[in-house]
Amino acid sequence: MLDADGSTALHLVCEGSDIRFWEPDSVEAACAEQEQAICVLLAAGADPAALDRRGETPGDSYGALIERLVEEGSLPRERADQLLAANAPVLNVP
């Protein structure tokens, strides 16, 4: 199932748009919940190579989100690197 932008559920979870608006203390909890949701979707057969209408994979969106959180000061670089390392193999994060 796709939304109007051609995004799958995995795309939407990886975009994590709501995480960017959480209080800094809550970002870590939101990232942990996001990571769990990614695992559930992948276990249910979500395709990490699916392209949305912009030609982006869920991994593209995930990598961009994590970098934005670091740039905004909401997520320490060390934790960002841990999240990317944990999810990069399954999401093909660039």
PDB file of N, CA and C in Angstrom:
ATOM      1  N   MET A   1       0.840  -1.177   0.000  1.00  0.00           N
ATOM      2  CA  MET A   1       0.000   0.000   0.000  1.00  0.00           C
ATOM      3  C   MET A   1       0.886   1.242   0.000  1.00  0.00           C
ATOM      4  N   LEU A   2       0.542   2.204  -0.829  1.00  0.00           N
ATOM      5  CA  LEU A   2       1.308   3.441  -0.964  1.00  0.00           C
ATOM      6  C   LEU A   2       0.453   4.642  -0.602  1.00  0.00           C
ATOM      7  N   ASP A   3       1.106   5.703  -0.114  1.00  0.00           N
ATOM      8  CA  ASP A   3       0.359   6.934   0.121  1.00  0.00           C
ATOM      9  C   ASP A   3       0.390   7.772  -1.160  1.00  0.00           C
ATOM     10  N   ALA A   4      -0.086   8.989  -1.101  1.00  0.00           N
ATOM     11  CA  ALA A   4      -0.188   9.844  -2.283  1.00  0.00           C
ATOM     12  C   ALA A   4       1.174  10.166  -2.902  1.00  0.00           C
ATOM     13  N   ASP A   5       2.241  10.093  -2.106  1.00  0.00           N
ATOM     14  CA  ASP A   5       3.586  10.372  -2.614  1.00  0.00           C
ATOM     15  C   ASP A   5       4.311   9.113  -3.058  1.00  0.00           C
ATOM     16  N   GLY A   6       3.602   7.989  -3.049  1.00  0.00           N
ATOM     17  CA  GLY A   6       4.224   6.731  -3.435  1.00  0.00           C
ATOM     18  C   GLY A   6       5.081   6.130  -2.345  1.00  0.00           C
ATOM     19  N   SER A   7       4.904   6.596  -1.121  1.00  0.00           N
ATOM     20  CA  SER A   7       5.684   6.096   0.003  1.00  0.00           C
ATOM     21  C   SER A   7       5.015   4.884   0.634  1.00  0.00           C
ATOM     22  N   THR A   8       5.843   3.908   0.999  1.00  0.00           N
ATOM     23  CA  THR A   8       5.357   2.736   1.725  1.00  0.00           C
ATOM     24  C   THR A   8       5.353   3.057   3.222  1.00  0.00           C
ATOM     25  N   ALA A   9       4.823   2.142   4.011  1.00  0.00           N
ATOM     26  CA  ALA A   9       4.852   2.321   5.473  1.00  0.00           C
ATOM     27  C   ALA A   9       6.295   2.433   5.953  1.00  0.00           C
ATOM     28  N   LEU A  10       7.186   1.666   5.345  1.00  0.00           N
ATOM     29  CA  LEU A  10       8.595   1.735   5.747  1.00  0.00           C
ATOM     30  C   LEU A  10       9.191   3.098   5.427  1.00  0.00           C
ATOM     31  N   HIS A  11       8.846   3.665   4.279  1.00  0.00           N
ATOM     32  CA  HIS A  11       9.296   5.030   3.965  1.00  0.00           C
ATOM     33  C   HIS A  11       8.845   5.998   5.058  1.00  0.00           C
ATOM     34  N   LEU A  12       7.573   5.909   5.415  1.00  0.00           N
ATOM     35  CA  LEU A  12       7.007   6.860   6.374  1.00  0.00           C
ATOM     36  C   LEU A  12       7.665   6.732   7.744  1.00  0.00           C
ATOM     37  N   VAL A  13       7.907   5.515   8.180  1.00  0.00           N
ATOM     38  CA  VAL A  13       8.574   5.322   9.473  1.00  0.00           C
ATOM     39  C   VAL A  13      10.002   5.853   9.406  1.00  0.00           C
ATOM     40  N   CYS A  14      10.685   5.587   8.307  1.00  0.00           N
ATOM     41  CA  CYS A  14      12.074   6.033   8.176  1.00  0.00           C
ATOM     42  C   CYS A  14      12.203   7.549   8.047  1.00  0.00           C
ATOM     43  N   GLU A  15      11.189   8.193   7.505  1.00  0.00           N
ATOM     44  CA  GLU A  15      11.212   9.653   7.415  1.00  0.00           C
ATOM     45  C   GLU A  15      11.125  10.286   8.795  1.00  0.00           C
ATOM     46  N   GLY A  16      10.376   9.657   9.687  1.00  0.00           N
ATOM     47  CA  GLY A  16      10.305  10.096  11.071  1.00  0.00           C
ATOM     48  C   GLY A  16      10.033  11.570  11.263  1.00  0.00           C
ATOM     49  N   SER A  17       9.188  12.147  10.440  1.00  0.00           N
ATOM     50  CA  SER A  17       8.974  13.592  10.496  1.00  0.00           C
ATOM     51  C   SER A  17       8.560  14.080  11.875  1.00  0.00           C
ATOM     52  N   ASP A  18       7.815  13.282  12.600  1.00  0.00           N
ATOM     53  CA  ASP A  18       7.385  13.729  13.929  1.00  0.00           C
ATOM     54  C   ASP A  18       8.527  13.759  14.929  1.00  0.00           C
ATOM     55  N   ILE A  19       9.567  12.968  14.721  1.00  0.00           N
ATOM     56  CA  ILE A  19      10.696  12.938  15.655  1.00  0.00           C
ATOM     57  C   ILE A  19      11.368  14.301  15.723  1.00  0.00           C
ATOM     58  N   ARG A  20      11.423  15.008  14.626  1.00  0.00           N
ATOM     59  CA  ARG A  20      12.120  16.293  14.584  1.00  0.00           C
ATOM     60  C   ARG A  20      11.467  17.339  15.477  1.00  0.00           C
ATOM     61  N   PHE A  21      10.238  17.119  15.868  1.00  0.00           N
ATOM     62  CA  PHE A  21       9.526  18.112  16.669  1.00  0.00           C
ATOM     63  C   PHE A  21       9.414  17.730  18.134  1.00  0.00           C
ATOM     64  N   TRP A  22      10.041  16.630  18.525  1.00  0.00           N
ATOM     65  CA  TRP A  22      10.025  16.198  19.918  1.00  0.00           C
ATOM     66  C   TRP A  22      11.024  17.039  20.710  1.00  0.00           C
ATOM     67  N   GLU A  23      10.837  17.077  21.991  1.00  0.00           N
ATOM     68  CA  GLU A  23      11.805  17.734  22.869  1.00  0.00           C
ATOM     69  C   GLU A  23      13.111  16.941  22.799  1.00  0.00           C
ATOM     70  N   PRO A  24      14.255  17.617  22.921  1.00  0.00           N
ATOM     71  CA  PRO A  24      15.540  16.914  22.812  1.00  0.00           C
ATOM     72  C   PRO A  24      15.656  15.681  23.707  1.00  0.00           C
ATOM     73  N   ASP A  25      15.124  15.737  24.919  1.00  0.00           N
ATOM     74  CA  ASP A  25      15.213  14.585  25.824  1.00  0.00           C
ATOM     75  C   ASP A  25      14.391  13.405  25.317  1.00  0.00           C
ATOM     76  N   SER A  26      13.414  13.667  24.491  1.00  0.00           N
ATOM     77  CA  SER A  26      12.539  12.613  23.992  1.00  0.00           C
ATOM     78  C   SER A  26      12.996  12.035  22.657  1.00  0.00           C
ATOM     79  N   VAL A  27      13.960  12.663  22.012  1.00  0.00           N
ATOM     80  CA  VAL A  27      14.400  12.206  20.699  1.00  0.00           C
ATOM     81  C   VAL A  27      14.964  10.792  20.784  1.00  0.00           C
ATOM     82  N   GLU A  28      15.732  10.516  21.819  1.00  0.00           N
ATOM     83  CA  GLU A  28      16.314   9.178  21.972  1.00  0.00           C
ATOM     84  C   GLU A  28      15.222   8.123  22.078  1.00  0.00           C
ATOM     85  N   ALA A  29      14.198   8.390  22.846  1.00  0.00           N
ATOM     86  CA  ALA A  29      13.081   7.443  22.975  1.00  0.00           C
ATOM     87  C   ALA A  29      12.360   7.283  21.639  1.00  0.00           C
ATOM     88  N   ALA A  30      12.172   8.374  20.932  1.00  0.00           N
ATOM     89  CA  ALA A  30      11.506   8.311  19.629  1.00  0.00           C
ATOM     90  C   ALA A  30      12.336   7.508  18.638  1.00  0.00           C
ATOM     91  N   CYS A  31      13.647   7.672  18.663  1.00  0.00           N
ATOM     92  CA  CYS A  31      14.518   6.911  17.768  1.00  0.00           C
ATOM     93  C   CYS A  31      14.463   5.420  18.085  1.00  0.00           C
ATOM     94  N   ALA A  32      14.400   5.092  19.367  1.00  0.00           N
ATOM     95  CA  ALA A  32      14.296   3.683  19.762  1.00  0.00           C
ATOM     96  C   ALA A  32      12.984   3.081  19.276  1.00  0.00           C
ATOM     97  N   GLU A  33      11.900   3.832  19.396  1.00  0.00           N
ATOM     98  CA  GLU A  33      10.604   3.349  18.899  1.00  0.00           C
ATOM     99  C   GLU A  33      10.618   3.224  17.386  1.00  0.00           C
ATOM    100  N   GLN A  34      11.262   4.161  16.721  1.00  0.00           N
ATOM    101  CA  GLN A  34      11.372   4.104  15.268  1.00  0.00           C
ATOM    102  C   GLN A  34      12.139   2.852  14.855  1.00  0.00           C
ATOM    103  N   GLU A  35      13.222   2.567  15.556  1.00  0.00           N
ATOM    104  CA  GLU A  35      14.033   1.392  15.249  1.00  0.00           C
ATOM    105  C   GLU A  35      13.210   0.107  15.397  1.00  0.00           C
ATOM    106  N   GLN A  36      12.388   0.039  16.439  1.00  0.00           N
ATOM    107  CA  GLN A  36      11.510  -1.125  16.628  1.00  0.00           C
ATOM    108  C   GLN A  36      10.503  -1.243  15.492  1.00  0.00           C
ATOM    109  N   ALA A  37       9.929  -0.126  15.087  1.00  0.00           N
ATOM    110  CA  ALA A  37       8.944  -0.138  13.995  1.00  0.00           C
ATOM    111  C   ALA A  37       9.593  -0.590  12.689  1.00  0.00           C
ATOM    112  N   ILE A  38      10.816  -0.161  12.446  1.00  0.00           N
ATOM    113  CA  ILE A  38      11.538  -0.589  11.249  1.00  0.00           C
ATOM    114  C   ILE A  38      11.711  -2.103  11.259  1.00  0.00           C
ATOM    115  N   CYS A  39      12.117  -2.649  12.399  1.00  0.00           N
ATOM    116  CA  CYS A  39      12.312  -4.098  12.517  1.00  0.00           C
ATOM    117  C   CYS A  39      11.015  -4.856  12.276  1.00  0.00           C
ATOM    118  N   VAL A  40       9.920  -4.362  12.826  1.00  0.00           N
ATOM    119  CA  VAL A  40       8.622  -5.018  12.647  1.00  0.00           C
ATOM    120  C   VAL A  40       8.222  -5.012  11.174  1.00  0.00           C
ATOM    121  N   LEU A  41       8.366  -3.869  10.515  1.00  0.00           N
ATOM    122  CA  LEU A  41       7.987  -3.774   9.109  1.00  0.00           C
ATOM    123  C   LEU A  41       8.856  -4.664   8.228  1.00  0.00           C
ATOM    124  N   LEU A  42      10.149  -4.696   8.504  1.00  0.00           N
ATOM    125  CA  LEU A  42      11.030  -5.558   7.722  1.00  0.00           C
ATOM    126  C   LEU A  42      10.692  -7.033   7.941  1.00  0.00           C
ATOM    127  N   ALA A  43      10.408  -7.398   9.190  1.00  0.00           N
ATOM    128  CA  ALA A  43      10.033  -8.785   9.485  1.00  0.00           C
ATOM    129  C   ALA A  43       8.732  -9.175   8.796  1.00  0.00           C
ATOM    130  N   ALA A  44       7.870  -8.182   8.571  1.00  0.00           N
ATOM    131  CA  ALA A  44       6.582  -8.436   7.908  1.00  0.00           C
ATOM    132  C   ALA A  44       6.717  -8.417   6.379  1.00  0.00           C
ATOM    133  N   GLY A  45       7.940  -8.196   5.882  1.00  0.00           N
ATOM    134  CA  GLY A  45       8.155  -8.256   4.449  1.00  0.00           C
ATOM    135  C   GLY A  45       8.268  -6.931   3.734  1.00  0.00           C
ATOM    136  N   ALA A  46       8.395  -5.832   4.471  1.00  0.00           N
ATOM    137  CA  ALA A  46       8.562  -4.526   3.815  1.00  0.00           C
ATOM    138  C   ALA A  46       9.821  -4.542   2.958  1.00  0.00           C
ATOM    139  N   ASP A  47       9.761  -3.888   1.824  1.00  0.00           N
ATOM    140  CA  ASP A  47      10.863  -3.881   0.868  1.00  0.00           C
ATOM    141  C   ASP A  47      11.761  -2.667   1.098  1.00  0.00           C
ATOM    142  N   PRO A  48      12.985  -2.886   1.597  1.00  0.00           N
ATOM    143  CA  PRO A  48      13.879  -1.750   1.829  1.00  0.00           C
ATOM    144  C   PRO A  48      14.410  -1.117   0.550  1.00  0.00           C
ATOM    145  N   ALA A  49      14.185  -1.766  -0.584  1.00  0.00           N
ATOM    146  CA  ALA A  49      14.643  -1.224  -1.863  1.00  0.00           C
ATOM    147  C   ALA A  49      13.534  -0.492  -2.622  1.00  0.00           C
ATOM    148  N   ALA A  50      12.338  -0.414  -2.040  1.00  0.00           N
ATOM    149  CA  ALA A  50      11.212   0.255  -2.712  1.00  0.00           C
ATOM    150  C   ALA A  50      11.530   1.725  -2.919  1.00  0.00           C
ATOM    151  N   LEU A  51      11.156   2.218  -4.081  1.00  0.00           N
ATOM    152  CA  LEU A  51      11.370   3.629  -4.403  1.00  0.00           C
ATOM    153  C   LEU A  51      10.058   4.394  -4.310  1.00  0.00           C
ATOM    154  N   ASP A  52      10.129   5.601  -3.728  1.00  0.00           N
ATOM    155  CA  ASP A  52       8.947   6.454  -3.722  1.00  0.00           C
ATOM    156  C   ASP A  52       8.960   7.296  -5.002  1.00  0.00           C
ATOM    157  N   ARG A  53       8.060   8.239  -5.122  1.00  0.00           N
ATOM    158  CA  ARG A  53       7.987   9.045  -6.354  1.00  0.00           C
ATOM    159  C   ARG A  53       9.191   9.953  -6.562  1.00  0.00           C
ATOM    160  N   ARG A  54       9.945  10.188  -5.497  1.00  0.00           N
ATOM    161  CA  ARG A  54      11.173  10.994  -5.623  1.00  0.00           C
ATOM    162  C   ARG A  54      12.366  10.128  -6.006  1.00  0.00           C
ATOM    163  N   GLY A  55      12.123   8.808  -6.084  1.00  0.00           N
ATOM    164  CA  GLY A  55      13.207   7.879  -6.397  1.00  0.00           C
ATOM    165  C   GLY A  55      14.063   7.536  -5.200  1.00  0.00           C
ATOM    166  N   GLU A  56      13.519   7.751  -3.996  1.00  0.00           N
ATOM    167  CA  GLU A  56      14.266   7.480  -2.769  1.00  0.00           C
ATOM    168  C   GLU A  56      13.800   6.195  -2.105  1.00  0.00           C
ATOM    169  N   THR A  57      14.747   5.499  -1.498  1.00  0.00           N
ATOM    170  CA  THR A  57      14.437   4.309  -0.719  1.00  0.00           C
ATOM    171  C   THR A  57      14.173   4.721   0.727  1.00  0.00           C
ATOM    172  N   PRO A  58      13.622   3.825   1.534  1.00  0.00           N
ATOM    173  CA  PRO A  58      13.478   4.138   2.958  1.00  0.00           C
ATOM    174  C   PRO A  58      14.826   4.481   3.604  1.00  0.00           C
ATOM    175  N   GLY A  59      15.885   3.800   3.171  1.00  0.00           N
ATOM    176  CA  GLY A  59      17.209   4.079   3.717  1.00  0.00           C
ATOM    177  C   GLY A  59      17.688   5.488   3.422  1.00  0.00           C
ATOM    178  N   ASP A  60      17.346   6.004   2.244  1.00  0.00           N
ATOM    179  CA  ASP A  60      17.694   7.395   1.918  1.00  0.00           C
ATOM    180  C   ASP A  60      17.045   8.345   2.922  1.00  0.00           C
ATOM    181  N   SER A  61      15.765   8.105   3.179  1.00  0.00           N
ATOM    182  CA  SER A  61      15.017   8.952   4.111  1.00  0.00           C
ATOM    183  C   SER A  61      15.566   8.832   5.524  1.00  0.00           C
ATOM    184  N   TYR A  62      15.895   7.603   5.932  1.00  0.00           N
ATOM    185  CA  TYR A  62      16.412   7.367   7.281  1.00  0.00           C
ATOM    186  C   TYR A  62      17.750   8.084   7.474  1.00  0.00           C
ATOM    187  N   GLY A  63      18.641   7.924   6.523  1.00  0.00           N
ATOM    188  CA  GLY A  63      19.941   8.578   6.629  1.00  0.00           C
ATOM    189  C   GLY A  63      19.818  10.093   6.703  1.00  0.00           C
ATOM    190  N   ALA A  64      18.926  10.641   5.885  1.00  0.00           N
ATOM    191  CA  ALA A  64      18.711  12.093   5.890  1.00  0.00           C
ATOM    192  C   ALA A  64      18.146  12.566   7.226  1.00  0.00           C
ATOM    193  N   LEU A  65      17.211  11.797   7.790  1.00  0.00           N
ATOM    194  CA  LEU A  65      16.633  12.169   9.084  1.00  0.00           C
ATOM    195  C   LEU A  65      17.695  12.190  10.173  1.00  0.00           C
ATOM    196  N   ILE A  66      18.490  11.137  10.236  1.00  0.00           N
ATOM    197  CA  ILE A  66      19.512  11.056  11.282  1.00  0.00           C
ATOM    198  C   ILE A  66      20.495  12.221  11.149  1.00  0.00           C
ATOM    199  N   GLU A  67      20.898  12.539   9.938  1.00  0.00           N
ATOM    200  CA  GLU A  67      21.816  13.664   9.743  1.00  0.00           C
ATOM    201  C   GLU A  67      21.184  14.991  10.146  1.00  0.00           C
ATOM    202  N   ARG A  68      19.890  15.185   9.848  1.00  0.00           N
ATOM    203  CA  ARG A  68      19.200  16.418  10.273  1.00  0.00           C
ATOM    204  C   ARG A  68      19.168  16.522  11.785  1.00  0.00           C
ATOM    205  N   LEU A  69      18.900  15.400  12.464  1.00  0.00           N
ATOM    206  CA  LEU A  69      18.845  15.424  13.925  1.00  0.00           C
ATOM    207  C   LEU A  69      20.199  15.799  14.518  1.00  0.00           C
ATOM    208  N   VAL A  70      21.276  15.332  13.907  1.00  0.00           N
ATOM    209  CA  VAL A  70      22.622  15.698  14.372  1.00  0.00           C
ATOM    210  C   VAL A  70      22.862  17.180  14.122  1.00  0.00           C
ATOM    211  N   GLU A  71      22.550  17.645  12.920  1.00  0.00           N
ATOM    212  CA  GLU A  71      22.772  19.055  12.573  1.00  0.00           C
ATOM    213  C   GLU A  71      21.990  19.998  13.474  1.00  0.00           C
ATOM    214  N   GLU A  72      20.785  19.575  13.878  1.00  0.00           N
ATOM    215  CA  GLU A  72      19.941  20.409  14.739  1.00  0.00           C
ATOM    216  C   GLU A  72      20.361  20.332  16.205  1.00  0.00           C
ATOM    217  N   GLY A  73      21.285  19.427  16.513  1.00  0.00           N
ATOM    218  CA  GLY A  73      21.732  19.270  17.890  1.00  0.00           C
ATOM    219  C   GLY A  73      20.810  18.415  18.740  1.00  0.00           C
ATOM    220  N   SER A  74      19.882  17.711  18.101  1.00  0.00           N
ATOM    221  CA  SER A  74      18.933  16.879  18.836  1.00  0.00           C
ATOM    222  C   SER A  74      19.458  15.481  19.121  1.00  0.00           C
ATOM    223  N   LEU A  75      20.494  15.075  18.393  1.00  0.00           N
ATOM    224  CA  LEU A  75      21.033  13.728  18.529  1.00  0.00           C
ATOM    225  C   LEU A  75      22.553  13.811  18.475  1.00  0.00           C
ATOM    226  N   PRO A  76      23.226  13.258  19.488  1.00  0.00           N
ATOM    227  CA  PRO A  76      24.693  13.281  19.462  1.00  0.00           C
ATOM    228  C   PRO A  76      25.242  12.434  18.300  1.00  0.00           C
ATOM    229  N   ARG A  77      26.334  12.872  17.725  1.00  0.00           N
ATOM    230  CA  ARG A  77      26.948  12.165  16.589  1.00  0.00           C
ATOM    231  C   ARG A  77      27.223  10.700  16.925  1.00  0.00           C
ATOM    232  N   GLU A  78      27.707  10.435  18.124  1.00  0.00           N
ATOM    233  CA  GLU A  78      28.017   9.052  18.508  1.00  0.00           C
ATOM    234  C   GLU A  78      26.777   8.162  18.430  1.00  0.00           C
ATOM    235  N   ARG A  79      25.659   8.653  18.942  1.00  0.00           N
ATOM    236  CA  ARG A  79      24.414   7.873  18.890  1.00  0.00           C
ATOM    237  C   ARG A  79      23.914   7.752  17.456  1.00  0.00           C
ATOM    238  N   ALA A  80      24.053   8.800  16.675  1.00  0.00           N
ATOM    239  CA  ALA A  80      23.650   8.751  15.267  1.00  0.00           C
ATOM    240  C   ALA A  80      24.433   7.672  14.534  1.00  0.00           C
ATOM    241  N   ASP A  81      25.737   7.606  14.787  1.00  0.00           N
ATOM    242  CA  ASP A  81      26.565   6.589  14.146  1.00  0.00           C
ATOM    243  C   ASP A  81      26.125   5.180  14.554  1.00  0.00           C
ATOM    244  N   GLN A  82      25.734   5.019  15.819  1.00  0.00           N
ATOM    245  CA  GLN A  82      25.239   3.719  16.277  1.00  0.00           C
ATOM    246  C   GLN A  82      23.943   3.337  15.549  1.00  0.00           C
ATOM    247  N   LEU A  83      23.029   4.293  15.434  1.00  0.00           N
ATOM    248  CA  LEU A  83      21.754   4.022  14.753  1.00  0.00           C
ATOM    249  C   LEU A  83      21.984   3.696  13.284  1.00  0.00           C
ATOM    250  N   LEU A  84      22.854   4.446  12.644  1.00  0.00           N
ATOM    251  CA  LEU A  84      23.142   4.191  11.234  1.00  0.00           C
ATOM    252  C   LEU A  84      23.795   2.823  11.049  1.00  0.00           C
ATOM    253  N   ALA A  85      24.725   2.486  11.922  1.00  0.00           N
ATOM    254  CA  ALA A  85      25.396   1.189  11.818  1.00  0.00           C
ATOM    255  C   ALA A  85      24.418   0.038  12.031  1.00  0.00           C
ATOM    256  N   ALA A  86      23.479   0.221  12.947  1.00  0.00           N
ATOM    257  CA  ALA A  86      22.510  -0.837  13.232  1.00  0.00           C
ATOM    258  C   ALA A  86      21.528  -1.035  12.090  1.00  0.00           C
ATOM    259  N   ASN A  87      21.164   0.038  11.422  1.00  0.00           N
ATOM    260  CA  ASN A  87      20.132  -0.038  10.391  1.00  0.00           C
ATOM    261  C   ASN A  87      20.652   0.011   8.958  1.00  0.00           C
ATOM    262  N   ALA A  88      21.880   0.431   8.770  1.00  0.00           N
ATOM    263  CA  ALA A  88      22.424   0.552   7.418  1.00  0.00           C
ATOM    264  C   ALA A  88      22.399  -0.746   6.631  1.00  0.00           C
ATOM    265  N   PRO A  89      22.770  -1.882   7.219  1.00  0.00           N
ATOM    266  CA  PRO A  89      22.784  -3.107   6.417  1.00  0.00           C
ATOM    267  C   PRO A  89      21.404  -3.504   5.872  1.00  0.00           C
ATOM    268  N   VAL A  90      20.361  -3.312   6.650  1.00  0.00           N
ATOM    269  CA  VAL A  90      19.036  -3.722   6.194  1.00  0.00           C
ATOM    270  C   VAL A  90      18.343  -2.648   5.360  1.00  0.00           C
ATOM    271  N   LEU A  91      18.708  -1.397   5.580  1.00  0.00           N
ATOM    272  CA  LEU A  91      18.068  -0.300   4.848  1.00  0.00           C
ATOM    273  C   LEU A  91      18.909   0.235   3.701  1.00  0.00           C
ATOM    274  N   ASN A  92      20.136  -0.274   3.578  1.00  0.00           N
ATOM    275  CA  ASN A  92      21.032   0.224   2.533  1.00  0.00           C
ATOM    276  C   ASN A  92      21.196   1.732   2.603  1.00  0.00           C
ATOM    277  N   VAL A  93      21.454   2.237   3.813  1.00  0.00           N
ATOM    278  CA  VAL A  93      21.614   3.675   4.021  1.00  0.00           C
ATOM    279  C   VAL A  93      22.882   4.121   3.288  1.00  0.00           C
ATOM    280  N   PRO A  94      22.760   5.184   2.498  1.00  0.00           N
ATOM    281  CA  PRO A  94      23.957   5.653   1.757  1.00  0.00           C
ATOM    282  C   PRO A  94      25.007   6.236   2.679  1.00  0.00           C
TER     283      PRO A  94
END
